[in-house]
Amino acid sequence: MVTDVLATVTASSFRPLLPVVIAEATGAFERSGLKLRHESARSSDDQLQQLLGGEIDIAHTALDNVAAWRRHADVRVIAVIDLGVAHELVARPEISAVAGLAGKVIGVDSPHNGLVVLLRRLLAEHGLERGGYQLRELGGLEARGRAFAAGACDACLLAGRSLERARADGNPVLLAVRAHLPRYPALALVAVGPLEGERRELLGRYVGVLSQAVTKKDVDVHAVAELLAVTPERANDWLAAERARITGVVRDSGDARAVIRDALLVTGRIAPGDSIDAYLDLLMDGV
């Protein structure tokens, strides 16, 4: 569908996402009658306020955030963008194991977000129980990476370029979330419910564009480089790394419900005896 009048979809994310970048680089949004407008998110708490304030139509956020957000608002998962969380816990060079974090400060986005739930679980599995360390709220990925480099914390949960810079500076990785929870949904596409009429159709088009873009192989690397503000060589490396990580966009289906059910059980948001299907009916709103 090509039209001179484009409908604007405003989305919030913390880092460049493969299907979004490919859709922009190939003109897929415009061909579907859409114009994408980006809003940066400083933290997951900030994303929730963006959604509730009508500043954005959709948030690209950690799946587990939604379970926490539902205490405050009617938010819905409309798709899962990929499986396997890219975040890794890096530490100062003198800290070589999780046990060395006892009594130390760990930098996170927000103490209440979904990644912290996973972090606490993994730390406990390695013998470091809640209360044995301090969490410090340092904001989104870039802000968190800068704060870690400046010495604001002893360890930090990072991904993407911030993680690359921290590793290049000689900071060891203590935990890689994906290695422990490979099928945990990394990112969900989230909107405020209920989704009805033109808004449902608009977001359905957006998810459809991403579903097709994630499988597209013929992409102009120079266009991607321009979007990412990096060299073509760096853009090519980024494409290869992201394609190896992201398998596809999972819409509201049996598969999507299965991975979200597993995530809710893993994080303790839903106990095994609870009515998970009833909860998923509330949580998910496929478009």
Protein backbone atom coordinates (compact mmCIF):
# COMPACT_ATOMS: atom_id res chain seq x y z
CA MET A 1 0.00 0.00 0.00
CA VAL A 2 1.62 3.23 -1.18
CA THR A 3 -0.01 6.52 -0.23
CA ASP A 4 0.92 10.21 -0.17
CA VAL A 5 -0.61 10.54 3.31
CA LEU A 6 1.42 8.64 5.87
CA ALA A 7 0.09 7.68 9.28
CA THR A 8 2.61 8.39 12.02
CA VAL A 9 3.55 5.71 14.53
CA THR A 10 5.62 6.94 17.47
CA ALA A 11 7.82 4.30 19.10
CA SER A 12 10.24 4.27 22.01
CA SER A 13 13.31 2.05 22.36
CA PHE A 14 16.69 2.00 24.08
CA ARG A 15 18.84 0.94 21.14
CA PRO A 16 18.66 0.34 17.38
CA LEU A 17 16.58 -2.75 16.60
CA LEU A 18 17.25 -4.94 13.56
CA PRO A 19 13.71 -5.07 12.08
CA VAL A 20 13.16 -1.34 12.65
CA VAL A 21 16.47 -0.35 11.06
CA ILE A 22 15.91 -2.66 8.06
CA ALA A 23 12.36 -1.36 7.59
CA GLU A 24 13.65 2.21 7.60
CA ALA A 25 16.61 1.46 5.32
CA THR A 26 14.41 -0.29 2.74
CA GLY A 27 11.48 2.14 2.82
CA ALA A 28 9.11 -0.57 4.11
CA PHE A 29 7.27 1.77 6.47
CA GLU A 30 6.46 4.24 3.69
CA ARG A 31 5.26 1.46 1.39
CA SER A 32 2.82 0.43 4.11
CA GLY A 33 1.58 3.99 4.53
CA LEU A 34 3.48 4.58 7.76
CA LYS A 35 5.91 7.18 9.05
CA LEU A 36 7.99 6.16 12.06
CA ARG A 37 8.88 8.75 14.69
CA HIS A 38 11.42 7.82 17.36
CA GLU A 39 11.30 8.86 21.00
CA SER A 40 14.26 7.98 23.19
CA ALA A 41 13.62 6.36 26.57
CA ARG A 42 15.78 7.20 29.56
CA SER A 43 14.51 4.22 31.58
CA SER A 44 11.71 1.67 31.66
CA ASP A 45 9.83 3.88 34.14
CA ASP A 46 10.14 6.68 31.60
CA GLN A 47 8.70 4.41 28.89
CA LEU A 48 5.61 3.72 30.98
CA GLN A 49 5.05 7.44 31.46
CA GLN A 50 5.48 7.97 27.71
CA LEU A 51 2.80 5.37 27.04
CA LEU A 52 0.37 6.69 29.65
CA GLY A 53 0.92 10.29 28.57
CA GLY A 54 0.15 9.51 24.93
CA GLU A 55 3.66 10.54 23.85
CA ILE A 56 4.21 7.20 22.11
CA ASP A 57 2.02 4.59 20.44
CA ILE A 58 4.26 1.65 21.16
CA ALA A 59 7.16 0.77 23.44
CA HIS A 60 9.90 -1.70 22.59
CA THR A 61 10.64 -2.96 26.08
CA ALA A 62 11.59 -5.98 28.15
CA LEU A 63 8.70 -8.44 28.33
CA ASP A 64 8.78 -8.68 32.09
CA ASN A 65 8.26 -4.92 32.44
CA VAL A 66 4.70 -5.47 31.25
CA ALA A 67 3.81 -7.66 34.20
CA ALA A 68 5.04 -4.91 36.51
CA TRP A 69 3.36 -2.12 34.51
CA ARG A 70 -0.02 -3.83 34.64
CA ARG A 71 -0.22 -2.83 38.28
CA HIS A 72 -0.52 0.76 37.06
CA ALA A 73 -2.14 0.61 33.63
CA ASP A 74 -3.87 -1.45 30.96
CA VAL A 75 -0.84 -2.32 28.83
CA ARG A 76 -0.85 -5.07 26.20
CA VAL A 77 1.81 -7.19 24.50
CA ILE A 78 1.09 -7.16 20.77
CA ALA A 79 4.20 -9.07 19.66
CA VAL A 80 7.50 -10.49 20.88
CA ILE A 81 10.43 -9.23 18.84
CA ASP A 82 13.07 -11.84 19.68
CA LEU A 83 14.22 -14.45 22.17
CA GLY A 84 17.35 -14.27 24.27
CA VAL A 85 18.32 -11.21 26.31
CA ALA A 86 21.54 -9.54 25.05
CA HIS A 87 22.48 -7.94 28.38
CA GLU A 88 25.62 -8.99 30.22
CA LEU A 89 26.86 -8.14 33.68
CA VAL A 90 30.30 -6.53 33.46
CA ALA A 91 32.48 -5.65 36.44
CA ARG A 92 35.64 -3.78 37.32
CA PRO A 93 38.83 -5.65 36.31
CA GLU A 94 39.60 -6.53 39.91
CA ILE A 95 36.27 -8.42 40.23
CA SER A 96 36.59 -11.77 38.48
CA ALA A 97 33.57 -13.68 39.82
CA VAL A 98 30.02 -13.08 41.06
CA ALA A 99 31.16 -13.71 44.64
CA GLY A 100 33.29 -10.59 44.34
CA LEU A 101 30.13 -8.46 44.09
CA ALA A 102 29.24 -9.01 47.75
CA GLY A 103 28.62 -5.58 49.25
CA LYS A 104 29.24 -3.87 45.90
CA VAL A 105 27.10 -1.50 43.80
CA ILE A 106 25.49 -2.79 40.57
CA GLY A 107 24.22 -0.27 38.02
CA VAL A 108 20.78 -0.94 36.50
CA ASP A 109 18.11 0.87 34.50
CA SER A 110 15.51 0.84 37.26
CA PRO A 111 15.34 -1.37 40.38
CA HIS A 112 11.80 -2.34 39.34
CA ASN A 113 12.24 -3.38 35.72
CA GLY A 114 12.18 -6.83 34.19
CA LEU A 115 15.91 -7.22 33.66
CA VAL A 116 16.52 -6.68 37.37
CA VAL A 117 14.18 -9.60 38.08
CA LEU A 118 16.37 -11.77 35.86
CA LEU A 119 19.56 -10.34 37.36
CA ARG A 120 18.44 -11.13 40.92
CA ARG A 121 17.59 -14.68 39.91
CA LEU A 122 20.98 -15.26 38.26
CA LEU A 123 22.91 -13.70 41.13
CA ALA A 124 21.05 -15.94 43.59
CA GLU A 125 21.88 -19.00 41.49
CA HIS A 126 25.53 -18.01 41.85
CA GLY A 127 25.29 -17.67 45.63
CA LEU A 128 24.67 -13.93 45.97
CA GLU A 129 21.30 -13.42 47.60
CA ARG A 130 19.17 -10.29 47.58
CA GLY A 131 20.53 -7.87 50.18
CA GLY A 132 24.08 -8.94 49.54
CA TYR A 133 24.63 -6.11 47.05
CA GLN A 134 23.24 -2.66 46.25
CA LEU A 135 21.38 -1.69 43.08
CA ARG A 136 21.84 1.83 41.77
CA GLU A 137 19.46 3.37 39.22
CA LEU A 138 21.53 4.80 36.37
CA GLY A 139 19.04 5.06 33.48
CA GLY A 140 19.12 3.65 29.95
CA LEU A 141 21.96 1.84 28.20
CA GLU A 142 24.05 4.81 27.09
CA ALA A 143 23.66 6.69 30.36
CA ARG A 144 24.40 3.51 32.29
CA GLY A 145 27.51 2.79 30.23
CA ARG A 146 28.85 6.30 30.80
CA ALA A 147 28.15 6.06 34.52
CA PHE A 148 29.99 2.73 34.75
CA ALA A 149 32.98 4.16 32.89
CA ALA A 150 32.99 7.13 35.30
CA GLY A 151 33.10 4.84 38.34
CA ALA A 152 29.50 5.22 39.53
CA CYS A 153 29.19 1.48 40.22
CA ASP A 154 31.29 -1.65 40.62
CA ALA A 155 29.38 -3.69 38.04
CA CYS A 156 26.75 -2.89 35.45
CA LEU A 157 24.14 -4.61 33.29
CA LEU A 158 24.91 -3.54 29.71
CA ALA A 159 24.21 -4.43 26.07
CA GLY A 160 25.01 -3.16 22.59
CA ARG A 161 27.64 -0.47 22.12
CA SER A 162 27.87 0.25 25.83
CA LEU A 163 28.75 -3.40 26.44
CA GLU A 164 31.29 -3.38 23.62
CA ARG A 165 33.03 -0.31 25.05
CA ALA A 166 33.10 -1.77 28.57
CA ARG A 167 34.61 -5.03 27.33
CA ALA A 168 37.15 -3.17 25.19
CA ASP A 169 38.25 -1.30 28.32
CA GLY A 170 39.16 -4.62 29.94
CA ASN A 171 36.11 -5.12 32.16
CA PRO A 172 35.25 -8.83 32.54
CA VAL A 173 31.81 -10.32 31.90
CA LEU A 174 30.53 -12.14 34.98
CA LEU A 175 27.12 -13.21 33.66
CA ALA A 176 25.51 -13.37 30.21
CA VAL A 177 21.73 -13.53 30.51
CA ARG A 178 21.27 -15.35 27.20
CA ALA A 179 23.60 -18.16 28.24
CA HIS A 180 21.37 -18.94 31.22
CA LEU A 181 17.93 -18.15 29.75
CA PRO A 182 18.20 -18.59 25.95
CA ARG A 183 14.45 -18.61 25.28
CA TYR A 184 13.51 -15.68 27.49
CA PRO A 185 11.71 -13.03 25.41
CA ALA A 186 14.15 -10.16 25.01
CA LEU A 187 11.82 -7.46 23.73
CA ALA A 188 8.08 -7.05 23.49
CA LEU A 189 6.07 -4.55 21.49
CA VAL A 190 3.74 -2.96 24.02
CA ALA A 191 0.81 -0.57 23.71
CA VAL A 192 -1.87 0.82 26.01
CA GLY A 193 -5.17 -1.06 25.71
CA PRO A 194 -7.79 -1.49 24.64
CA LEU A 195 -6.79 -1.61 20.98
CA GLU A 196 -9.75 -0.82 18.76
CA GLY A 197 -10.66 0.45 15.31
CA GLU A 198 -8.12 2.50 13.37
CA ARG A 199 -5.51 2.26 16.14
CA ARG A 200 -5.60 -1.55 16.07
CA GLU A 201 -5.25 -1.50 12.29
CA LEU A 202 -2.37 0.99 12.45
CA LEU A 203 -0.36 -1.03 14.98
CA GLY A 204 -1.16 -4.21 13.07
CA ARG A 205 0.48 -2.66 10.00
CA TYR A 206 3.51 -1.69 12.09
CA VAL A 207 3.97 -5.24 13.42
CA GLY A 208 3.48 -6.60 9.91
CA VAL A 209 6.28 -4.41 8.56
CA LEU A 210 8.66 -5.60 11.29
CA SER A 211 7.69 -9.25 10.70
CA GLN A 212 8.73 -8.98 7.06
CA ALA A 213 11.78 -6.79 7.63
CA VAL A 214 13.44 -9.18 10.09
CA THR A 215 13.76 -11.84 7.37
CA LYS A 216 14.95 -9.51 4.59
CA LYS A 217 18.50 -10.28 3.45
CA ASP A 218 19.07 -7.74 0.64
CA VAL A 219 19.74 -4.52 2.53
CA ASP A 220 21.81 -1.49 1.51
CA VAL A 221 24.61 -1.41 4.08
CA HIS A 222 25.25 2.28 3.36
CA ALA A 223 21.65 3.14 4.23
CA VAL A 224 21.99 1.18 7.48
CA ALA A 225 25.29 2.94 8.23
CA GLU A 226 23.64 6.32 7.77
CA LEU A 227 20.81 5.40 10.14
CA LEU A 228 23.22 4.10 12.77
CA ALA A 229 25.73 6.92 12.23
CA VAL A 230 28.59 4.44 11.80
CA THR A 231 30.90 3.30 9.00
CA PRO A 232 29.61 0.80 6.41
CA GLU A 233 32.03 -1.77 7.84
CA ARG A 234 30.63 -1.28 11.33
CA ALA A 235 27.07 -1.43 9.96
CA ASN A 236 27.84 -4.72 8.23
CA ASP A 237 29.21 -6.17 11.47
CA TRP A 238 26.10 -4.96 13.33
CA LEU A 239 23.78 -6.56 10.77
CA ALA A 240 25.61 -9.87 11.02
CA ALA A 241 25.52 -9.86 14.82
CA GLU A 242 21.85 -8.91 15.02
CA ARG A 243 20.79 -11.47 12.41
CA ALA A 244 22.56 -14.18 14.36
CA ARG A 245 20.63 -13.16 17.46
CA ILE A 246 17.13 -12.29 16.28
CA THR A 247 15.06 -15.13 14.84
CA GLY A 248 11.85 -13.27 14.03
CA VAL A 249 8.85 -11.34 15.27
CA VAL A 250 6.41 -13.58 17.13
CA ARG A 251 2.84 -12.33 16.92
CA ASP A 252 -0.06 -13.32 19.17
CA SER A 253 -0.09 -17.05 18.61
CA GLY A 254 0.44 -20.29 20.44
CA ASP A 255 4.20 -19.78 20.17
CA ALA A 256 4.02 -16.26 21.60
CA ARG A 257 1.85 -17.39 24.49
CA ALA A 258 4.24 -20.25 25.20
CA VAL A 259 7.36 -18.09 25.47
CA ILE A 260 5.56 -15.50 27.60
CA ARG A 261 4.16 -18.22 29.87
CA ASP A 262 7.70 -19.56 30.36
CA ALA A 263 8.96 -16.06 31.13
CA LEU A 264 6.29 -15.41 33.73
CA LEU A 265 7.14 -18.67 35.47
CA VAL A 266 10.88 -18.04 35.31
CA THR A 267 10.64 -14.62 36.93
CA GLY A 268 8.11 -15.62 39.57
CA ARG A 269 5.54 -13.10 38.35
CA ILE A 270 3.04 -15.95 38.11
CA ALA A 271 3.19 -18.98 40.39
CA PRO A 272 2.88 -22.42 38.74
CA GLY A 273 -0.57 -22.99 40.26
CA ASP A 274 -2.02 -19.67 39.12
CA SER A 275 -4.29 -19.26 36.11
CA ILE A 276 -1.62 -18.35 33.56
CA ASP A 277 -3.94 -18.58 30.57
CA ALA A 278 -6.38 -16.13 32.16
CA TYR A 279 -3.49 -13.77 32.82
CA LEU A 280 -2.26 -14.08 29.23
CA ASP A 281 -5.74 -13.25 27.97
CA LEU A 282 -5.43 -9.95 29.80
CA LEU A 283 -1.82 -9.36 28.89
CA MET A 284 -1.84 -10.06 25.18
CA ASP A 285 -3.72 -8.27 22.44
CA GLY A 286 -2.66 -9.54 19.02
CA VAL A 287 -3.01 -7.15 16.12
